[in-house]
Amino acid sequence: MTRKKVYITRKIDDKAIEYLCERFEVDINLEERIPEKEELINKTRDCDALLCLLSDEIDAALMDECKKLKIIANYAVGYNNIDISAARERNIVVTNTPDVLTDATAELTLALLFSAARRIVEGDRFTRGNKFKLWSPTLMLGQDICKKTLGVIGAGRIGKAFVKKTLGLEMKVLYNNRSRDLAFETETKAEYVSLDELLKESDFISIHVPLTSETKHMLGKREFEMMKKSAILINTSRGPVVDEVALMEALSSGEIWSAGLDVYEREPLIEEGLLALNNVVLLPHIGSATFDTRANMAMMAALNIEAVLNGAKGINEVV
């Protein structure tokens, strides 16, 4: 009996690869690079399943060339890299990896908040550069965190998990979401407000929305001008939610105090002006980068593929 075929666009956790290899014929891009479009099409043309990353653009043209494709298993919780409408029209199942990366991403968000507020990375560079000669009352002054106001844009899995992790800091929590979540408000004492009010009142603003046509450039020049001069922006969601040029200008001019970023508008490219600033912490999209989380993401994608290729419903179907 001919085994069904799976193409994996990048090396993932070994256990997930072994799991798939025991059940299917598997081909993997073992190089640390994003496959070129034509290469991706050629590798996937005869495959029943594609396990891809957020950096892989999966569009209608690819789907038309890969007519055997039954499932696109995205190794991410977001799926803005996939043309969902095209997949639906072609009866191709799309799955993602929710839940397993929620805590890891929320933890990194908290780490960025502390790093940006207390100038951790800047202080590390200062010390390594042998500039620490004397303790001073004015050396590396940062922002207090405890009992300040936290504004959360997007109260999905990660946004809620992040708020819960901050509860010991006694912060006032404001949130903006497509709809109110009364259970969340009861559990965390968070207050539902308009986006404008959140921007004006918050000391820390953390973004947790998916990238859609509505959320692209949700924060730009107008929004930065509404924020406090002491405000700190954290983004661990998707880069294009923020107008990166406007953010760079706001940080350069002192319109806002600092930022912590794990994602970028033209990732992996970063607005050049940001690279020269001390008041922004820049990470290489590592929100889910823990050993356990990445292993769980890989196995979830593998299980989705197994289910669909065996005629069952995917565990985490987007389409």
Protein backbone atom coordinates (compact mmCIF):
# COMPACT_ATOMS: atom_id res chain seq x y z
CA MET A 1 0.00 0.00 0.00
CA THR A 2 1.38 3.42 -0.98
CA ARG A 3 2.08 5.63 2.01
CA LYS A 4 0.68 9.14 2.08
CA LYS A 5 3.22 11.93 1.78
CA VAL A 6 4.04 14.82 4.12
CA TYR A 7 6.35 17.76 3.49
CA ILE A 8 7.79 19.71 6.45
CA THR A 9 9.23 23.12 5.57
CA ARG A 10 11.76 23.24 8.43
CA LYS A 11 13.23 20.86 10.98
CA ILE A 12 11.01 20.59 14.06
CA ASP A 13 11.20 18.47 17.23
CA ASP A 14 12.60 14.98 16.59
CA LYS A 15 9.77 13.13 18.34
CA ALA A 16 7.16 14.68 16.06
CA ILE A 17 9.24 13.87 12.98
CA GLU A 18 9.66 10.27 14.16
CA TYR A 19 5.92 10.03 14.81
CA LEU A 20 5.13 11.13 11.27
CA CYS A 21 7.85 8.97 9.70
CA GLU A 22 6.37 5.87 11.34
CA ARG A 23 3.07 6.55 9.57
CA PHE A 24 3.81 8.43 6.36
CA GLU A 25 6.46 9.15 3.78
CA VAL A 26 8.11 12.34 5.04
CA ASP A 27 10.36 14.88 3.33
CA ILE A 28 11.92 17.72 5.32
CA ASN A 29 13.80 20.89 4.51
CA LEU A 30 16.78 20.42 6.87
CA GLU A 31 18.39 23.76 5.99
CA GLU A 32 17.90 26.79 8.25
CA ARG A 33 16.16 28.87 5.58
CA ILE A 34 12.70 29.56 4.22
CA PRO A 35 12.04 27.47 1.07
CA GLU A 36 11.68 29.52 -2.10
CA LYS A 37 8.16 29.58 -3.55
CA GLU A 38 8.93 27.30 -6.50
CA GLU A 39 10.82 24.89 -4.26
CA LEU A 40 7.91 24.78 -1.83
CA ILE A 41 5.48 24.04 -4.66
CA ASN A 42 7.71 21.34 -6.14
CA LYS A 43 8.19 19.66 -2.78
CA THR A 44 4.49 19.77 -1.95
CA ARG A 45 3.04 18.95 -5.38
CA ASP A 46 2.65 15.22 -4.69
CA CYS A 47 2.01 15.53 -0.96
CA ASP A 48 -1.15 14.87 1.02
CA ALA A 49 -0.06 17.11 3.92
CA LEU A 50 2.06 20.21 4.39
CA LEU A 51 3.49 21.13 7.79
CA CYS A 52 4.54 24.76 7.49
CA LEU A 53 5.78 27.66 9.59
CA LEU A 54 4.44 31.18 10.00
CA SER A 55 7.21 32.39 7.68
CA ASP A 56 5.92 30.24 4.80
CA GLU A 57 3.43 31.97 2.51
CA ILE A 58 0.77 29.47 1.51
CA ASP A 59 -1.45 31.00 -1.18
CA ALA A 60 -4.01 29.94 -3.78
CA ALA A 61 -1.34 29.46 -6.46
CA LEU A 62 0.42 26.85 -4.32
CA MET A 63 -2.83 25.09 -3.54
CA ASP A 64 -3.73 24.92 -7.24
CA GLU A 65 -0.39 23.29 -8.00
CA CYS A 66 -0.68 20.83 -5.10
CA LYS A 67 -3.98 19.17 -5.90
CA LYS A 68 -3.45 16.17 -3.58
CA LEU A 69 -3.16 18.42 -0.54
CA LYS A 70 -5.68 17.57 2.17
CA ILE A 71 -4.25 19.44 5.15
CA ILE A 72 -2.02 22.43 5.87
CA ALA A 73 -0.80 22.10 9.45
CA ASN A 74 0.54 25.47 10.58
CA TYR A 75 3.25 25.29 13.25
CA ALA A 76 1.87 28.39 15.00
CA VAL A 77 -1.26 29.67 16.67
CA GLY A 78 -1.62 32.45 14.10
CA TYR A 79 -2.34 31.64 10.47
CA ASN A 80 -2.17 34.94 8.58
CA ASN A 81 0.47 33.32 6.33
CA ILE A 82 -2.22 31.07 4.80
CA ASP A 83 -4.96 32.10 2.38
CA ILE A 84 -7.82 30.71 4.43
CA SER A 85 -10.49 31.53 1.84
CA ALA A 86 -8.55 29.69 -0.85
CA ALA A 87 -8.15 26.65 1.40
CA ARG A 88 -11.87 26.64 2.18
CA GLU A 89 -12.78 26.83 -1.51
CA ARG A 90 -10.53 23.83 -2.22
CA ASN A 91 -11.68 21.78 0.78
CA ILE A 92 -8.22 21.80 2.31
CA VAL A 93 -8.15 21.56 6.09
CA VAL A 94 -6.03 24.18 7.90
CA THR A 95 -4.96 23.58 11.49
CA ASN A 96 -2.94 25.55 14.02
CA THR A 97 -1.36 24.99 17.44
CA PRO A 98 -3.36 26.91 20.08
CA ASP A 99 -3.14 26.53 23.87
CA VAL A 100 0.27 24.82 24.02
CA LEU A 101 2.15 28.11 23.52
CA THR A 102 -0.11 30.34 25.63
CA ASP A 103 1.92 30.31 28.84
CA ALA A 104 5.29 30.58 27.12
CA THR A 105 4.22 33.64 25.13
CA ALA A 106 2.56 35.25 28.15
CA GLU A 107 5.75 34.69 30.16
CA LEU A 108 7.86 36.33 27.47
CA THR A 109 5.48 39.28 27.41
CA LEU A 110 6.03 39.71 31.13
CA ALA A 111 9.79 39.45 30.62
CA LEU A 112 9.66 42.18 27.97
CA LEU A 113 7.59 44.40 30.26
CA PHE A 114 10.22 44.16 33.02
CA SER A 115 13.11 44.50 30.57
CA ALA A 116 11.71 47.65 28.98
CA ALA A 117 10.61 49.23 32.27
CA ARG A 118 13.84 48.57 34.16
CA ARG A 119 16.27 48.95 31.23
CA ILE A 120 17.62 45.41 31.69
CA VAL A 121 19.20 44.98 28.25
CA GLU A 122 20.59 48.50 28.22
CA GLY A 123 22.03 47.95 31.69
CA ASP A 124 23.62 44.67 30.63
CA ARG A 125 25.34 46.36 27.67
CA PHE A 126 26.45 49.22 29.93
CA THR A 127 28.00 46.81 32.43
CA ARG A 128 29.64 44.57 29.81
CA GLY A 129 31.12 47.70 28.23
CA ASN A 130 32.99 48.35 31.47
CA LYS A 131 31.08 51.60 32.01
CA PHE A 132 29.93 50.77 35.54
CA LYS A 133 32.47 52.74 37.59
CA LEU A 134 30.34 54.03 40.44
CA TRP A 135 26.90 53.53 41.98
CA SER A 136 24.87 56.68 41.37
CA PRO A 137 21.42 57.86 42.51
CA THR A 138 20.60 58.67 38.87
CA LEU A 139 22.11 55.62 37.16
CA MET A 140 19.75 53.70 34.85
CA LEU A 141 16.51 55.05 36.28
CA GLY A 142 13.47 53.15 35.05
CA GLN A 143 9.72 52.97 35.56
CA ASP A 144 7.89 51.45 38.52
CA ILE A 145 5.63 48.52 37.64
CA CYS A 146 3.76 47.64 40.80
CA LYS A 147 0.34 49.34 41.19
CA LYS A 148 0.55 51.01 37.76
CA THR A 149 -2.09 50.74 35.02
CA LEU A 150 -1.81 47.93 32.50
CA GLY A 151 -3.70 48.15 29.21
CA VAL A 152 -4.24 44.92 27.28
CA ILE A 153 -5.37 45.04 23.66
CA GLY A 154 -6.94 41.67 22.87
CA ALA A 155 -8.25 39.31 25.54
CA GLY A 156 -7.80 35.96 23.85
CA ARG A 157 -5.91 33.03 25.33
CA ILE A 158 -2.54 34.78 25.55
CA GLY A 159 -3.90 38.17 26.61
CA LYS A 160 -5.84 36.60 29.48
CA ALA A 161 -2.89 34.43 30.54
CA PHE A 162 -0.63 37.48 30.58
CA VAL A 163 -3.04 39.45 32.79
CA LYS A 164 -3.30 36.54 35.25
CA LYS A 165 0.50 36.43 35.51
CA THR A 166 0.57 40.11 36.49
CA LEU A 167 -1.99 39.87 39.31
CA GLY A 168 0.67 39.79 42.02
CA LEU A 169 1.87 43.20 40.85
CA GLU A 170 -1.40 44.83 42.00
CA MET A 171 -1.83 46.63 38.70
CA LYS A 172 -5.06 48.23 37.55
CA VAL A 173 -6.01 46.36 34.38
CA LEU A 174 -7.84 47.91 31.43
CA TYR A 175 -8.64 45.84 28.39
CA ASN A 176 -10.08 46.28 24.93
CA ASN A 177 -11.48 43.39 22.95
CA ARG A 178 -14.01 42.71 20.19
CA SER A 179 -16.46 41.87 22.96
CA ARG A 180 -16.63 41.98 26.75
CA ASP A 181 -15.68 38.94 28.78
CA LEU A 182 -17.53 39.12 32.09
CA ALA A 183 -15.91 35.97 33.49
CA PHE A 184 -12.47 37.43 32.78
CA GLU A 185 -13.48 40.70 34.46
CA THR A 186 -14.71 38.87 37.55
CA GLU A 187 -11.55 36.76 37.80
CA THR A 188 -9.03 39.58 37.27
CA LYS A 189 -10.98 42.77 38.08
CA ALA A 190 -10.09 43.98 34.59
CA GLU A 191 -12.15 46.90 33.26
CA TYR A 192 -13.46 46.94 29.68
CA VAL A 193 -12.77 50.30 27.98
CA SER A 194 -12.51 51.80 24.51
CA LEU A 195 -9.17 51.62 22.75
CA ASP A 196 -8.70 55.38 23.02
CA GLU A 197 -9.31 55.37 26.76
CA LEU A 198 -6.91 52.47 27.19
CA LEU A 199 -4.19 54.31 25.29
CA LYS A 200 -4.65 57.50 27.29
CA GLU A 201 -4.78 55.91 30.75
CA SER A 202 -2.29 53.02 30.61
CA ASP A 203 1.30 53.03 31.82
CA PHE A 204 1.97 49.74 30.03
CA ILE A 205 0.23 48.64 26.83
CA SER A 206 0.48 45.04 25.67
CA ILE A 207 -0.84 43.84 22.30
CA HIS A 208 -2.45 40.40 21.91
CA VAL A 209 -4.58 40.57 18.76
CA PRO A 210 -4.37 38.47 15.58
CA LEU A 211 -3.30 40.13 12.35
CA THR A 212 -6.33 40.92 10.20
CA SER A 213 -7.30 43.70 7.82
CA GLU A 214 -8.91 45.43 10.81
CA THR A 215 -5.89 45.18 13.12
CA LYS A 216 -3.13 46.11 10.64
CA HIS A 217 -1.57 49.39 11.82
CA MET A 218 -4.00 49.47 14.74
CA LEU A 219 -1.36 51.57 16.48
CA GLY A 220 0.18 54.43 14.53
CA LYS A 221 1.08 58.11 14.89
CA ARG A 222 -2.36 59.13 16.19
CA GLU A 223 -2.38 56.41 18.84
CA PHE A 224 1.18 57.10 20.03
CA GLU A 225 0.30 60.77 20.48
CA MET A 226 -2.56 59.72 22.77
CA MET A 227 -0.28 57.73 25.09
CA LYS A 228 1.48 59.01 28.17
CA LYS A 229 5.05 60.24 27.69
CA SER A 230 6.03 57.56 30.21
CA ALA A 231 4.11 54.78 28.42
CA ILE A 232 5.74 51.46 27.53
CA LEU A 233 4.48 49.41 24.58
CA ILE A 234 4.90 45.63 24.41
CA ASN A 235 4.15 43.63 21.25
CA THR A 236 4.31 39.83 21.15
CA SER A 237 1.40 39.37 18.72
CA ARG A 238 2.10 40.31 15.09
CA GLY A 239 4.41 43.03 13.81
CA PRO A 240 2.11 44.72 11.27
CA VAL A 241 -0.39 45.55 14.03
CA VAL A 242 2.01 48.43 14.76
CA ASP A 243 3.15 51.03 12.26
CA GLU A 244 6.87 50.46 12.82
CA VAL A 245 8.02 53.78 11.34
CA ALA A 246 5.56 55.67 13.56
CA LEU A 247 6.77 53.67 16.58
CA MET A 248 10.39 54.48 15.82
CA GLU A 249 9.54 58.17 15.57
CA ALA A 250 7.56 58.07 18.82
CA LEU A 251 10.47 56.43 20.66
CA SER A 252 13.04 58.78 19.12
CA SER A 253 11.09 61.93 19.97
CA GLY A 254 10.11 60.87 23.49
CA GLU A 255 6.42 60.62 22.56
CA ILE A 256 6.48 57.34 24.51
CA TRP A 257 9.13 56.13 26.94
CA SER A 258 10.10 52.68 25.68
CA ALA A 259 9.00 49.49 23.96
CA GLY A 260 9.61 45.76 24.00
CA LEU A 261 9.17 43.93 20.69
CA ASP A 262 9.25 40.27 19.71
CA VAL A 263 7.64 40.75 16.29
CA TYR A 264 8.14 43.16 13.38
CA GLU A 265 6.22 44.62 10.49
CA ARG A 266 8.50 43.23 7.75
CA GLU A 267 9.99 40.36 9.73
CA PRO A 268 12.81 39.44 9.81
CA LEU A 269 13.66 42.97 8.60
CA ILE A 270 13.49 45.61 11.34
CA GLU A 271 13.05 49.35 10.85
CA GLU A 272 16.65 50.56 10.83
CA GLY A 273 16.00 53.46 13.17
CA LEU A 274 14.87 51.08 15.92
CA LEU A 275 18.22 49.30 15.92
CA ALA A 276 19.99 52.47 17.05
CA LEU A 277 17.68 53.19 19.98
CA ASN A 278 18.43 52.26 23.58
CA ASN A 279 14.80 52.59 24.68
CA VAL A 280 13.54 49.53 22.84
CA VAL A 281 14.18 45.85 23.59
CA LEU A 282 14.32 43.76 20.41
CA LEU A 283 13.87 39.98 20.43
CA PRO A 284 13.95 37.55 17.45
CA HIS A 285 10.33 36.29 17.63
CA ILE A 286 10.89 33.84 20.49
CA GLY A 287 7.50 34.05 22.22
CA SER A 288 7.00 30.29 22.10
CA ALA A 289 10.69 29.37 22.21
CA THR A 290 10.93 26.93 25.10
CA PHE A 291 11.93 23.28 24.74
CA ASP A 292 8.60 21.93 25.97
CA THR A 293 6.44 24.38 24.05
CA ARG A 294 8.11 23.86 20.68
CA ALA A 295 7.99 20.07 21.17
CA ASN A 296 4.27 20.27 22.00
CA MET A 297 3.60 22.48 18.97
CA ALA A 298 5.35 19.99 16.70
CA MET A 299 3.44 17.03 18.09
CA MET A 300 0.13 18.89 17.82
CA ALA A 301 0.81 19.59 14.15
CA ALA A 302 1.75 15.94 13.63
CA LEU A 303 -1.43 14.71 15.33
CA ASN A 304 -3.53 17.03 13.19
CA ILE A 305 -1.94 15.57 10.07
CA GLU A 306 -2.47 12.01 11.26
CA ALA A 307 -6.12 12.66 12.04
CA VAL A 308 -6.98 14.28 8.71
CA LEU A 309 -5.04 11.80 6.54
CA ASN A 310 -6.83 8.98 8.33
CA GLY A 311 -10.18 10.49 7.48
CA ALA A 312 -10.94 12.07 10.87
CA LYS A 313 -11.51 15.69 11.83
CA GLY A 314 -8.42 17.73 12.64
CA ILE A 315 -7.84 18.39 16.33
CA ASN A 316 -7.38 22.13 15.85
CA GLU A 317 -9.14 23.03 12.63
CA VAL A 318 -9.15 26.64 11.50
CA VAL A 319 -10.87 25.59 8.26
